[in-house]
PDB file of N, CA and C in Angstrom:
ATOM      1  N   SER A   1    -139.829 -43.682 -55.023  1.00  0.00           N
ATOM      2  CA  SER A   1    -140.909 -43.086 -55.805  1.00  0.00           C
ATOM      3  C   SER A   1    -142.198 -43.871 -55.582  1.00  0.00           C
ATOM      4  N   GLY A   2    -143.296 -43.309 -56.013  1.00  0.00           N
ATOM      5  CA  GLY A   2    -144.587 -43.967 -55.868  1.00  0.00           C
ATOM      6  C   GLY A   2    -144.648 -45.290 -56.608  1.00  0.00           C
ATOM      7  N   THR A   3    -144.004 -45.325 -57.778  1.00  0.00           N
ATOM      8  CA  THR A   3    -143.968 -46.564 -58.549  1.00  0.00           C
ATOM      9  C   THR A   3    -143.213 -47.642 -57.787  1.00  0.00           C
ATOM     10  N   ASP A   4    -142.066 -47.276 -57.208  1.00  0.00           N
ATOM     11  CA  ASP A   4    -141.283 -48.243 -56.424  1.00  0.00           C
ATOM     12  C   ASP A   4    -142.112 -48.789 -55.269  1.00  0.00           C
ATOM     13  N   ILE A   5    -142.814 -47.904 -54.579  1.00  0.00           N
ATOM     14  CA  ILE A   5    -143.624 -48.319 -53.430  1.00  0.00           C
ATOM     15  C   ILE A   5    -144.704 -49.305 -53.877  1.00  0.00           C
ATOM     16  N   MET A   6    -145.368 -49.013 -54.998  1.00  0.00           N
ATOM     17  CA  MET A   6    -146.413 -49.915 -55.495  1.00  0.00           C
ATOM     18  C   MET A   6    -145.825 -51.266 -55.903  1.00  0.00           C
ATOM     19  N   ARG A   7    -144.697 -51.242 -56.585  1.00  0.00           N
ATOM     20  CA  ARG A   7    -144.074 -52.488 -57.033  1.00  0.00           C
ATOM     21  C   ARG A   7    -143.592 -53.315 -55.837  1.00  0.00           C
ATOM     22  N   LEU A   8    -142.983 -52.648 -54.866  1.00  0.00           N
ATOM     23  CA  LEU A   8    -142.508 -53.372 -53.683  1.00  0.00           C
ATOM     24  C   LEU A   8    -143.680 -53.891 -52.861  1.00  0.00           C
ATOM     25  N   SER A   9    -144.748 -53.133 -52.799  1.00  0.00           N
ATOM     26  CA  SER A   9    -145.948 -53.560 -52.081  1.00  0.00           C
ATOM     27  C   SER A   9    -146.534 -54.815 -52.725  1.00  0.00           C
ATOM     28  N   ARG A  10    -146.567 -54.832 -54.043  1.00  0.00           N
ATOM     29  CA  ARG A  10    -147.063 -56.002 -54.783  1.00  0.00           C
ATOM     30  C   ARG A  10    -146.146 -57.206 -54.521  1.00  0.00           C
ATOM     31  N   THR A  11    -144.852 -56.971 -54.495  1.00  0.00           N
ATOM     32  CA  THR A  11    -143.878 -58.040 -54.233  1.00  0.00           C
ATOM     33  C   THR A  11    -144.040 -58.569 -52.812  1.00  0.00           C
ATOM     34  N   LYS A  12    -144.181 -57.672 -51.854  1.00  0.00           N
ATOM     35  CA  LYS A  12    -144.355 -58.055 -50.448  1.00  0.00           C
ATOM     36  C   LYS A  12    -145.648 -58.865 -50.279  1.00  0.00           C
ATOM     37  N   ALA A  13    -146.716 -58.446 -50.924  1.00  0.00           N
ATOM     38  CA  ALA A  13    -147.993 -59.176 -50.850  1.00  0.00           C
ATOM     39  C   ALA A  13    -147.841 -60.583 -51.422  1.00  0.00           C
ATOM     40  N   TYR A  14    -147.105 -60.702 -52.512  1.00  0.00           N
ATOM     41  CA  TYR A  14    -146.873 -62.026 -53.100  1.00  0.00           C
ATOM     42  C   TYR A  14    -146.103 -62.907 -52.112  1.00  0.00           C
ATOM     43  N   ILE A  15    -145.069 -62.358 -51.513  1.00  0.00           N
ATOM     44  CA  ILE A  15    -144.273 -63.112 -50.532  1.00  0.00           C
ATOM     45  C   ILE A  15    -145.168 -63.565 -49.386  1.00  0.00           C
ATOM     46  N   GLU A  16    -145.995 -62.684 -48.874  1.00  0.00           N
ATOM     47  CA  GLU A  16    -146.848 -63.021 -47.724  1.00  0.00           C
ATOM     48  C   GLU A  16    -147.848 -64.115 -48.057  1.00  0.00           C
ATOM     49  N   LYS A  17    -148.254 -64.209 -49.303  1.00  0.00           N
ATOM     50  CA  LYS A  17    -149.201 -65.235 -49.715  1.00  0.00           C
ATOM     51  C   LYS A  17    -148.506 -66.566 -50.023  1.00  0.00           C
ATOM     52  N   HIS A  18    -147.241 -66.507 -50.454  1.00  0.00           N
ATOM     53  CA  HIS A  18    -146.550 -67.696 -50.966  1.00  0.00           C
ATOM     54  C   HIS A  18    -145.258 -68.032 -50.203  1.00  0.00           C
ATOM     55  N   PHE A  19    -145.078 -67.520 -48.986  1.00  0.00           N
ATOM     56  CA  PHE A  19    -143.785 -67.663 -48.318  1.00  0.00           C
ATOM     57  C   PHE A  19    -143.391 -69.109 -48.028  1.00  0.00           C
ATOM     58  N   CYS A  20    -144.347 -70.026 -48.021  1.00  0.00           N
ATOM     59  CA  CYS A  20    -144.009 -71.437 -47.792  1.00  0.00           C
ATOM     60  C   CYS A  20    -143.569 -72.130 -49.081  1.00  0.00           C
ATOM     61  N   ASP A  21    -143.740 -71.466 -50.205  1.00  0.00           N
ATOM     62  CA  ASP A  21    -143.307 -72.012 -51.495  1.00  0.00           C
ATOM     63  C   ASP A  21    -141.838 -71.647 -51.732  1.00  0.00           C
ATOM     64  N   ASP A  22    -141.260 -72.270 -52.727  1.00  0.00           N
ATOM     65  CA  ASP A  22    -139.890 -71.943 -53.119  1.00  0.00           C
ATOM     66  C   ASP A  22    -139.958 -70.690 -53.994  1.00  0.00           C
ATOM     67  N   ILE A  23    -139.559 -69.557 -53.452  1.00  0.00           N
ATOM     68  CA  ILE A  23    -139.645 -68.278 -54.177  1.00  0.00           C
ATOM     69  C   ILE A  23    -138.228 -67.802 -54.478  1.00  0.00           C
ATOM     70  N   SER A  24    -137.930 -67.650 -55.748  1.00  0.00           N
ATOM     71  CA  SER A  24    -136.602 -67.149 -56.128  1.00  0.00           C
ATOM     72  C   SER A  24    -136.638 -65.630 -56.288  1.00  0.00           C
ATOM     73  N   ASN A  25    -135.461 -65.029 -56.199  1.00  0.00           N
ATOM     74  CA  ASN A  25    -135.366 -63.594 -56.456  1.00  0.00           C
ATOM     75  C   ASN A  25    -135.777 -63.280 -57.889  1.00  0.00           C
ATOM     76  N   ALA A  26    -135.547 -64.223 -58.811  1.00  0.00           N
ATOM     77  CA  ALA A  26    -135.931 -64.006 -60.212  1.00  0.00           C
ATOM     78  C   ALA A  26    -137.450 -63.854 -60.336  1.00  0.00           C
ATOM     79  N   VAL A  27    -138.189 -64.701 -59.625  1.00  0.00           N
ATOM     80  CA  VAL A  27    -139.658 -64.616 -59.649  1.00  0.00           C
ATOM     81  C   VAL A  27    -140.103 -63.274 -59.058  1.00  0.00           C
ATOM     82  N   LEU A  28    -139.520 -62.897 -57.932  1.00  0.00           N
ATOM     83  CA  LEU A  28    -139.885 -61.634 -57.293  1.00  0.00           C
ATOM     84  C   LEU A  28    -139.532 -60.443 -58.179  1.00  0.00           C
ATOM     85  N   ALA A  29    -138.393 -60.516 -58.840  1.00  0.00           N
ATOM     86  CA  ALA A  29    -137.985 -59.435 -59.744  1.00  0.00           C
ATOM     87  C   ALA A  29    -138.979 -59.302 -60.887  1.00  0.00           C
ATOM     88  N   ASP A  30    -139.453 -60.441 -61.398  1.00  0.00           N
ATOM     89  CA  ASP A  30    -140.477 -60.444 -62.449  1.00  0.00           C
ATOM     90  C   ASP A  30    -141.750 -59.754 -61.976  1.00  0.00           C
ATOM     91  N   ILE A  31    -142.188 -60.102 -60.785  1.00  0.00           N
ATOM     92  CA  ILE A  31    -143.413 -59.527 -60.227  1.00  0.00           C
ATOM     93  C   ILE A  31    -143.271 -58.018 -60.062  1.00  0.00           C
ATOM     94  N   ALA A  32    -142.097 -57.598 -59.595  1.00  0.00           N
ATOM     95  CA  ALA A  32    -141.865 -56.176 -59.345  1.00  0.00           C
ATOM     96  C   ALA A  32    -141.524 -55.405 -60.612  1.00  0.00           C
ATOM     97  N   GLY A  33    -141.058 -56.101 -61.633  1.00  0.00           N
ATOM     98  CA  GLY A  33    -140.652 -55.417 -62.860  1.00  0.00           C
ATOM     99  C   GLY A  33    -139.277 -54.781 -62.742  1.00  0.00           C
ATOM    100  N   TYR A  34    -138.407 -55.377 -61.957  1.00  0.00           N
ATOM    101  CA  TYR A  34    -137.034 -54.900 -61.777  1.00  0.00           C
ATOM    102  C   TYR A  34    -136.067 -56.021 -62.103  1.00  0.00           C
ATOM    103  N   SER A  35    -134.797 -55.662 -62.228  1.00  0.00           N
ATOM    104  CA  SER A  35    -133.761 -56.694 -62.266  1.00  0.00           C
ATOM    105  C   SER A  35    -133.648 -57.256 -60.852  1.00  0.00           C
ATOM    106  N   GLU A  36    -133.062 -58.444 -60.725  1.00  0.00           N
ATOM    107  CA  GLU A  36    -132.904 -59.034 -59.386  1.00  0.00           C
ATOM    108  C   GLU A  36    -132.094 -58.104 -58.489  1.00  0.00           C
ATOM    109  N   ARG A  37    -131.016 -57.594 -59.025  1.00  0.00           N
ATOM    110  CA  ARG A  37    -130.139 -56.724 -58.232  1.00  0.00           C
ATOM    111  C   ARG A  37    -130.872 -55.473 -57.752  1.00  0.00           C
ATOM    112  N   GLN A  38    -131.644 -54.875 -58.652  1.00  0.00           N
ATOM    113  CA  GLN A  38    -132.403 -53.667 -58.314  1.00  0.00           C
ATOM    114  C   GLN A  38    -133.484 -53.987 -57.271  1.00  0.00           C
ATOM    115  N   LEU A  39    -134.152 -55.115 -57.456  1.00  0.00           N
ATOM    116  CA  LEU A  39    -135.182 -55.509 -56.496  1.00  0.00           C
ATOM    117  C   LEU A  39    -134.581 -55.671 -55.100  1.00  0.00           C
ATOM    118  N   ILE A  40    -133.483 -56.408 -55.002  1.00  0.00           N
ATOM    119  CA  ILE A  40    -132.858 -56.651 -53.702  1.00  0.00           C
ATOM    120  C   ILE A  40    -132.452 -55.327 -53.059  1.00  0.00           C
ATOM    121  N   ARG A  41    -131.866 -54.436 -53.841  1.00  0.00           N
ATOM    122  CA  ARG A  41    -131.437 -53.138 -53.310  1.00  0.00           C
ATOM    123  C   ARG A  41    -132.631 -52.334 -52.803  1.00  0.00           C
ATOM    124  N   LEU A  42    -133.696 -52.239 -53.594  1.00  0.00           N
ATOM    125  CA  LEU A  42    -134.873 -51.460 -53.200  1.00  0.00           C
ATOM    126  C   LEU A  42    -135.597 -52.106 -52.013  1.00  0.00           C
ATOM    127  N   PHE A  43    -135.715 -53.425 -52.047  1.00  0.00           N
ATOM    128  CA  PHE A  43    -136.392 -54.142 -50.957  1.00  0.00           C
ATOM    129  C   PHE A  43    -135.629 -53.929 -49.653  1.00  0.00           C
ATOM    130  N   LYS A  44    -134.319 -54.061 -49.723  1.00  0.00           N
ATOM    131  CA  LYS A  44    -133.496 -53.892 -48.529  1.00  0.00           C
ATOM    132  C   LYS A  44    -133.595 -52.461 -48.002  1.00  0.00           C
ATOM    133  N   SER A  45    -133.635 -51.510 -48.897  1.00  0.00           N
ATOM    134  CA  SER A  45    -133.774 -50.109 -48.506  1.00  0.00           C
ATOM    135  C   SER A  45    -135.116 -49.860 -47.812  1.00  0.00           C
ATOM    136  N   ALA A  46    -136.181 -50.474 -48.325  1.00  0.00           N
ATOM    137  CA  ALA A  46    -137.521 -50.255 -47.777  1.00  0.00           C
ATOM    138  C   ALA A  46    -137.785 -51.078 -46.520  1.00  0.00           C
ATOM    139  N   MET A  47    -137.268 -52.313 -46.479  1.00  0.00           N
ATOM    140  CA  MET A  47    -137.635 -53.252 -45.414  1.00  0.00           C
ATOM    141  C   MET A  47    -136.508 -53.527 -44.417  1.00  0.00           C
ATOM    142  N   ASN A  48    -135.328 -52.993 -44.688  1.00  0.00           N
ATOM    143  CA  ASN A  48    -134.151 -53.256 -43.851  1.00  0.00           C
ATOM    144  C   ASN A  48    -133.753 -54.727 -43.829  1.00  0.00           C
ATOM    145  N   MET A  49    -134.122 -55.464 -44.856  1.00  0.00           N
ATOM    146  CA  MET A  49    -133.712 -56.867 -45.007  1.00  0.00           C
ATOM    147  C   MET A  49    -133.901 -57.268 -46.458  1.00  0.00           C
ATOM    148  N   THR A  50    -133.225 -58.333 -46.843  1.00  0.00           N
ATOM    149  CA  THR A  50    -133.367 -58.844 -48.208  1.00  0.00           C
ATOM    150  C   THR A  50    -134.690 -59.596 -48.330  1.00  0.00           C
ATOM    151  N   PRO A  51    -135.133 -59.831 -49.563  1.00  0.00           N
ATOM    152  CA  PRO A  51    -136.339 -60.642 -49.732  1.00  0.00           C
ATOM    153  C   PRO A  51    -136.212 -62.018 -49.062  1.00  0.00           C
ATOM    154  N   LYS A  52    -135.053 -62.654 -49.174  1.00  0.00           N
ATOM    155  CA  LYS A  52    -134.850 -63.972 -48.572  1.00  0.00           C
ATOM    156  C   LYS A  52    -134.975 -63.892 -47.046  1.00  0.00           C
ATOM    157  N   SER A  53    -134.417 -62.872 -46.435  1.00  0.00           N
ATOM    158  CA  SER A  53    -134.541 -62.698 -44.983  1.00  0.00           C
ATOM    159  C   SER A  53    -135.992 -62.483 -44.582  1.00  0.00           C
ATOM    160  N   TYR A  54    -136.722 -61.727 -45.396  1.00  0.00           N
ATOM    161  CA  TYR A  54    -138.132 -61.483 -45.116  1.00  0.00           C
ATOM    162  C   TYR A  54    -138.930 -62.791 -45.201  1.00  0.00           C
ATOM    163  N   ILE A  55    -138.667 -63.575 -46.243  1.00  0.00           N
ATOM    164  CA  ILE A  55    -139.326 -64.876 -46.394  1.00  0.00           C
ATOM    165  C   ILE A  55    -139.028 -65.742 -45.179  1.00  0.00           C
ATOM    166  N   ASN A  56    -137.765 -65.798 -44.788  1.00  0.00           N
ATOM    167  CA  ASN A  56    -137.394 -66.626 -43.633  1.00  0.00           C
ATOM    168  C   ASN A  56    -138.056 -66.140 -42.349  1.00  0.00           C
ATOM    169  N   SER A  57    -138.203 -64.830 -42.189  1.00  0.00           N
ATOM    170  CA  SER A  57    -138.851 -64.318 -40.973  1.00  0.00           C
ATOM    171  C   SER A  57    -140.317 -64.757 -40.923  1.00  0.00           C
ATOM    172  N   LEU A  58    -140.995 -64.757 -42.064  1.00  0.00           N
ATOM    173  CA  LEU A  58    -142.386 -65.234 -42.106  1.00  0.00           C
ATOM    174  C   LEU A  58    -142.451 -66.732 -41.843  1.00  0.00           C
ATOM    175  N   ARG A  59    -141.522 -67.477 -42.406  1.00  0.00           N
ATOM    176  CA  ARG A  59    -141.480 -68.923 -42.186  1.00  0.00           C
ATOM    177  C   ARG A  59    -141.235 -69.240 -40.713  1.00  0.00           C
ATOM    178  N   LEU A  60    -140.336 -68.505 -40.098  1.00  0.00           N
ATOM    179  CA  LEU A  60    -140.044 -68.744 -38.686  1.00  0.00           C
ATOM    180  C   LEU A  60    -141.241 -68.382 -37.804  1.00  0.00           C
ATOM    181  N   ARG A  61    -141.944 -67.317 -38.157  1.00  0.00           N
ATOM    182  CA  ARG A  61    -143.139 -66.946 -37.393  1.00  0.00           C
ATOM    183  C   ARG A  61    -144.170 -68.070 -37.458  1.00  0.00           C
ATOM    184  N   LYS A  62    -144.392 -68.605 -38.666  1.00  0.00           N
ATOM    185  CA  LYS A  62    -145.344 -69.712 -38.815  1.00  0.00           C
ATOM    186  C   LYS A  62    -144.853 -70.943 -38.052  1.00  0.00           C
ATOM    187  N   SER A  63    -143.554 -71.198 -38.100  1.00  0.00           N
ATOM    188  CA  SER A  63    -143.027 -72.388 -37.408  1.00  0.00           C
ATOM    189  C   SER A  63    -143.210 -72.263 -35.902  1.00  0.00           C
ATOM    190  N   ARG A  64    -143.029 -71.065 -35.352  1.00  0.00           N
ATOM    191  CA  ARG A  64    -143.251 -70.873 -33.905  1.00  0.00           C
ATOM    192  C   ARG A  64    -144.706 -71.175 -33.559  1.00  0.00           C
ATOM    193  N   HIS A  65    -145.621 -70.716 -34.387  1.00  0.00           N
ATOM    194  CA  HIS A  65    -147.035 -70.978 -34.162  1.00  0.00           C
ATOM    195  C   HIS A  65    -147.316 -72.485 -34.208  1.00  0.00           C
ATOM    196  N   LEU A  66    -146.787 -73.177 -35.221  1.00  0.00           N
ATOM    197  CA  LEU A  66    -147.030 -74.609 -35.355  1.00  0.00           C
ATOM    198  C   LEU A  66    -146.388 -75.404 -34.220  1.00  0.00           C
ATOM    199  N   LEU A  67    -145.219 -74.976 -33.773  1.00  0.00           N
ATOM    200  CA  LEU A  67    -144.569 -75.671 -32.655  1.00  0.00           C
ATOM    201  C   LEU A  67    -145.424 -75.600 -31.401  1.00  0.00           C
ATOM    202  N   ARG A  68    -146.073 -74.472 -31.199  1.00  0.00           N
ATOM    203  CA  ARG A  68    -146.894 -74.286 -29.999  1.00  0.00           C
ATOM    204  C   ARG A  68    -148.294 -74.869 -30.136  1.00  0.00           C
ATOM    205  N   SER A  69    -148.811 -74.953 -31.351  1.00  0.00           N
ATOM    206  CA  SER A  69    -150.232 -75.292 -31.503  1.00  0.00           C
ATOM    207  C   SER A  69    -150.486 -76.671 -32.104  1.00  0.00           C
ATOM    208  N   THR A  70    -149.437 -77.392 -32.485  1.00  0.00           N
ATOM    209  CA  THR A  70    -149.631 -78.722 -33.078  1.00  0.00           C
ATOM    210  C   THR A  70    -148.664 -79.716 -32.450  1.00  0.00           C
ATOM    211  N   ALA A  71    -148.894 -80.969 -32.740  1.00  0.00           N
ATOM    212  CA  ALA A  71    -147.980 -82.032 -32.302  1.00  0.00           C
ATOM    213  C   ALA A  71    -147.123 -82.515 -33.468  1.00  0.00           C
ATOM    214  N   LEU A  72    -147.115 -81.762 -34.568  1.00  0.00           N
ATOM    215  CA  LEU A  72    -146.309 -82.140 -35.728  1.00  0.00           C
ATOM    216  C   LEU A  72    -144.841 -82.232 -35.339  1.00  0.00           C
ATOM    217  N   SER A  73    -144.113 -83.116 -36.002  1.00  0.00           N
ATOM    218  CA  SER A  73    -142.672 -83.219 -35.749  1.00  0.00           C
ATOM    219  C   SER A  73    -141.970 -81.957 -36.241  1.00  0.00           C
ATOM    220  N   VAL A  74    -140.786 -81.728 -35.720  1.00  0.00           N
ATOM    221  CA  VAL A  74    -139.995 -80.568 -36.157  1.00  0.00           C
ATOM    222  C   VAL A  74    -139.735 -80.656 -37.661  1.00  0.00           C
ATOM    223  N   GLY A  75    -139.456 -81.856 -38.152  1.00  0.00           N
ATOM    224  CA  GLY A  75    -139.224 -82.030 -39.588  1.00  0.00           C
ATOM    225  C   GLY A  75    -140.446 -81.694 -40.415  1.00  0.00           C
ATOM    226  N   GLU A  76    -141.623 -82.109 -39.967  1.00  0.00           N
ATOM    227  CA  GLU A  76    -142.872 -81.809 -40.673  1.00  0.00           C
ATOM    228  C   GLU A  76    -143.146 -80.304 -40.658  1.00  0.00           C
ATOM    229  N   ILE A  77    -142.894 -79.671 -39.534  1.00  0.00           N
ATOM    230  CA  ILE A  77    -143.092 -78.215 -39.440  1.00  0.00           C
ATOM    231  C   ILE A  77    -142.128 -77.494 -40.370  1.00  0.00           C
ATOM    232  N   ALA A  78    -140.867 -77.916 -40.375  1.00  0.00           N
ATOM    233  CA  ALA A  78    -139.882 -77.301 -41.278  1.00  0.00           C
ATOM    234  C   ALA A  78    -140.386 -77.401 -42.722  1.00  0.00           C
ATOM    235  N   TRP A  79    -140.844 -78.588 -43.108  1.00  0.00           N
ATOM    236  CA  TRP A  79    -141.312 -78.810 -44.466  1.00  0.00           C
ATOM    237  C   TRP A  79    -142.544 -77.955 -44.764  1.00  0.00           C
ATOM    238  N   GLN A  80    -143.517 -77.922 -43.842  1.00  0.00           N
ATOM    239  CA  GLN A  80    -144.749 -77.137 -44.060  1.00  0.00           C
ATOM    240  C   GLN A  80    -144.463 -75.643 -44.162  1.00  0.00           C
ATOM    241  N   CYS A  81    -143.386 -75.197 -43.534  1.00  0.00           N
ATOM    242  CA  CYS A  81    -143.043 -73.773 -43.554  1.00  0.00           C
ATOM    243  C   CYS A  81    -142.118 -73.409 -44.719  1.00  0.00           C
ATOM    244  N   GLY A  82    -141.822 -74.381 -45.576  1.00  0.00           N
ATOM    245  CA  GLY A  82    -141.053 -74.074 -46.782  1.00  0.00           C
ATOM    246  C   GLY A  82    -139.568 -74.356 -46.691  1.00  0.00           C
ATOM    247  N   PHE A  83    -139.119 -75.011 -45.636  1.00  0.00           N
ATOM    248  CA  PHE A  83    -137.703 -75.358 -45.512  1.00  0.00           C
ATOM    249  C   PHE A  83    -137.488 -76.777 -46.035  1.00  0.00           C
ATOM    250  N   ASP A  84    -136.602 -76.935 -47.001  1.00  0.00           N
ATOM    251  CA  ASP A  84    -136.294 -78.260 -47.549  1.00  0.00           C
ATOM    252  C   ASP A  84    -135.364 -79.044 -46.637  1.00  0.00           C
ATOM    253  N   ASP A  85    -134.612 -78.332 -45.829  1.00  0.00           N
ATOM    254  CA  ASP A  85    -133.567 -78.948 -45.017  1.00  0.00           C
ATOM    255  C   ASP A  85    -133.858 -78.694 -43.539  1.00  0.00           C
ATOM    256  N   GLN A  86    -134.170 -79.752 -42.805  1.00  0.00           N
ATOM    257  CA  GLN A  86    -134.500 -79.610 -41.385  1.00  0.00           C
ATOM    258  C   GLN A  86    -133.326 -79.058 -40.579  1.00  0.00           C
ATOM    259  N   ASN A  87    -132.108 -79.437 -40.942  1.00  0.00           N
ATOM    260  CA  ASN A  87    -130.931 -78.924 -40.217  1.00  0.00           C
ATOM    261  C   ASN A  87    -130.777 -77.422 -40.407  1.00  0.00           C
ATOM    262  N   TYR A  88    -130.995 -76.954 -41.635  1.00  0.00           N
ATOM    263  CA  TYR A  88    -130.939 -75.515 -41.904  1.00  0.00           C
ATOM    264  C   TYR A  88    -132.028 -74.799 -41.100  1.00  0.00           C
ATOM    265  N   PHE A  89    -133.226 -75.366 -41.122  1.00  0.00           N
ATOM    266  CA  PHE A  89    -134.326 -74.791 -40.345  1.00  0.00           C
ATOM    267  C   PHE A  89    -133.944 -74.680 -38.867  1.00  0.00           C
ATOM    268  N   SER A  90    -133.422 -75.761 -38.303  1.00  0.00           N
ATOM    269  CA  SER A  90    -133.062 -75.764 -36.877  1.00  0.00           C
ATOM    270  C   SER A  90    -131.977 -74.736 -36.566  1.00  0.00           C
ATOM    271  N   ARG A  91    -130.976 -74.630 -37.456  1.00  0.00           N
ATOM    272  CA  ARG A  91    -129.909 -73.635 -37.246  1.00  0.00           C
ATOM    273  C   ARG A  91    -130.472 -72.213 -37.306  1.00  0.00           C
ATOM    274  N   LEU A  92    -131.297 -71.953 -38.309  1.00  0.00           N
ATOM    275  CA  LEU A  92    -131.888 -70.624 -38.469  1.00  0.00           C
ATOM    276  C   LEU A  92    -132.813 -70.303 -37.293  1.00  0.00           C
ATOM    277  N   PHE A  93    -133.583 -71.282 -36.864  1.00  0.00           N
ATOM    278  CA  PHE A  93    -134.493 -71.097 -35.729  1.00  0.00           C
ATOM    279  C   PHE A  93    -133.680 -70.745 -34.484  1.00  0.00           C
ATOM    280  N   ARG A  94    -132.636 -71.530 -34.221  1.00  0.00           N
ATOM    281  CA  ARG A  94    -131.806 -71.297 -33.034  1.00  0.00           C
ATOM    282  C   ARG A  94    -131.150 -69.906 -33.088  1.00  0.00           C
ATOM    283  N   LYS A  95    -130.694 -69.518 -34.266  1.00  0.00           N
ATOM    284  CA  LYS A  95    -130.047 -68.215 -34.422  1.00  0.00           C
ATOM    285  C   LYS A  95    -131.028 -67.072 -34.128  1.00  0.00           C
ATOM    286  N   ASN A  96    -132.274 -67.232 -34.549  1.00  0.00           N
ATOM    287  CA  ASN A  96    -133.266 -66.157 -34.415  1.00  0.00           C
ATOM    288  C   ASN A  96    -134.043 -66.186 -33.110  1.00  0.00           C
ATOM    289  N   VAL A  97    -134.273 -67.360 -32.561  1.00  0.00           N
ATOM    290  CA  VAL A  97    -135.107 -67.497 -31.370  1.00  0.00           C
ATOM    291  C   VAL A  97    -134.263 -67.794 -30.124  1.00  0.00           C
ATOM    292  N   GLU A  98    -132.994 -68.133 -30.359  1.00  0.00           N
ATOM    293  CA  GLU A  98    -132.037 -68.406 -29.282  1.00  0.00           C
ATOM    294  C   GLU A  98    -132.359 -69.661 -28.487  1.00  0.00           C
ATOM    295  N   MET A  99    -133.064 -70.585 -29.121  1.00  0.00           N
ATOM    296  CA  MET A  99    -133.256 -71.926 -28.574  1.00  0.00           C
ATOM    297  C   MET A  99    -133.662 -72.834 -29.725  1.00  0.00           C
ATOM    298  N   SER A 100    -133.513 -74.126 -29.523  1.00  0.00           N
ATOM    299  CA  SER A 100    -133.876 -75.072 -30.578  1.00  0.00           C
ATOM    300  C   SER A 100    -135.402 -75.110 -30.723  1.00  0.00           C
ATOM    301  N   PRO A 101    -135.885 -75.587 -31.870  1.00  0.00           N
ATOM    302  CA  PRO A 101    -137.338 -75.729 -32.026  1.00  0.00           C
ATOM    303  C   PRO A 101    -137.967 -76.596 -30.924  1.00  0.00           C
ATOM    304  N   THR A 102    -137.307 -77.678 -30.560  1.00  0.00           N
ATOM    305  CA  THR A 102    -137.844 -78.563 -29.515  1.00  0.00           C
ATOM    306  C   THR A 102    -137.889 -77.857 -28.166  1.00  0.00           C
ATOM    307  N   ASP A 103    -136.810 -77.137 -27.836  1.00  0.00           N
ATOM    308  CA  ASP A 103    -136.797 -76.384 -26.569  1.00  0.00           C
ATOM    309  C   ASP A 103    -137.886 -75.311 -26.576  1.00  0.00           C
ATOM    310  N   PHE A 104    -138.088 -74.659 -27.726  1.00  0.00           N
ATOM    311  CA  PHE A 104    -139.131 -73.645 -27.841  1.00  0.00           C
ATOM    312  C   PHE A 104    -140.498 -74.272 -27.574  1.00  0.00           C
ATOM    313  N   ARG A 105    -140.752 -75.418 -28.180  1.00  0.00           N
ATOM    314  CA  ARG A 105    -142.022 -76.112 -27.997  1.00  0.00           C
ATOM    315  C   ARG A 105    -142.241 -76.456 -26.525  1.00  0.00           C
ATOM    316  N   ASN A 106    -141.200 -76.895 -25.845  1.00  0.00           N
ATOM    317  CA  ASN A 106    -141.314 -77.344 -24.458  1.00  0.00           C
ATOM    318  C   ASN A 106    -141.254 -76.221 -23.445  1.00  0.00           C
ATOM    319  N   ASN A 107    -140.852 -75.027 -23.879  1.00  0.00           N
ATOM    320  CA  ASN A 107    -140.740 -73.876 -22.979  1.00  0.00           C
ATOM    321  C   ASN A 107    -142.118 -73.235 -22.839  1.00  0.00           C
ATOM    322  N   LYS A 108    -142.711 -73.362 -21.681  1.00  0.00           N
ATOM    323  CA  LYS A 108    -144.086 -72.851 -21.484  1.00  0.00           C
ATOM    324  C   LYS A 108    -144.101 -71.422 -20.924  1.00  0.00           C
ATOM    325  N   SER A 109    -142.949 -70.787 -20.867  1.00  0.00           N
ATOM    326  CA  SER A 109    -142.896 -69.444 -20.270  1.00  0.00           C
ATOM    327  C   SER A 109    -143.458 -68.371 -21.205  1.00  0.00           C
ATOM    328  N   GLY A 110    -143.869 -68.782 -22.412  1.00  0.00           N
ATOM    329  CA  GLY A 110    -144.472 -67.827 -23.325  1.00  0.00           C
ATOM    330  C   GLY A 110    -143.489 -67.112 -24.207  1.00  0.00           C
ATOM    331  N   ARG A 111    -142.230 -67.486 -24.140  1.00  0.00           N
ATOM    332  CA  ARG A 111    -141.214 -66.831 -24.942  1.00  0.00           C
ATOM    333  C   ARG A 111    -141.391 -67.107 -26.409  1.00  0.00           C
TER     334      ARG A 111
END
């Protein structure tokens, strides 16, 4: 419905502005005016991913940019992108990009 679209749009905008912060589903549900379960279901239906997956995709996009454009350590980049655990960041990065953050930084082929 139009209301769902507006609420999800507001939630998505909040995520895009705050994706490096610790964002819980409870906070997002509050913003959208839904229960957590309802928010996750509607978000997944609209975006083909959960709010957490969407947050991680934005974090990974920022981390790829920082790996290529700065000399920050992988740990510093993980932290700046909202990951508390560098090992989790590295595993998630490898799963999504198919190489480690360090290999990505050193790979000049533009991948």
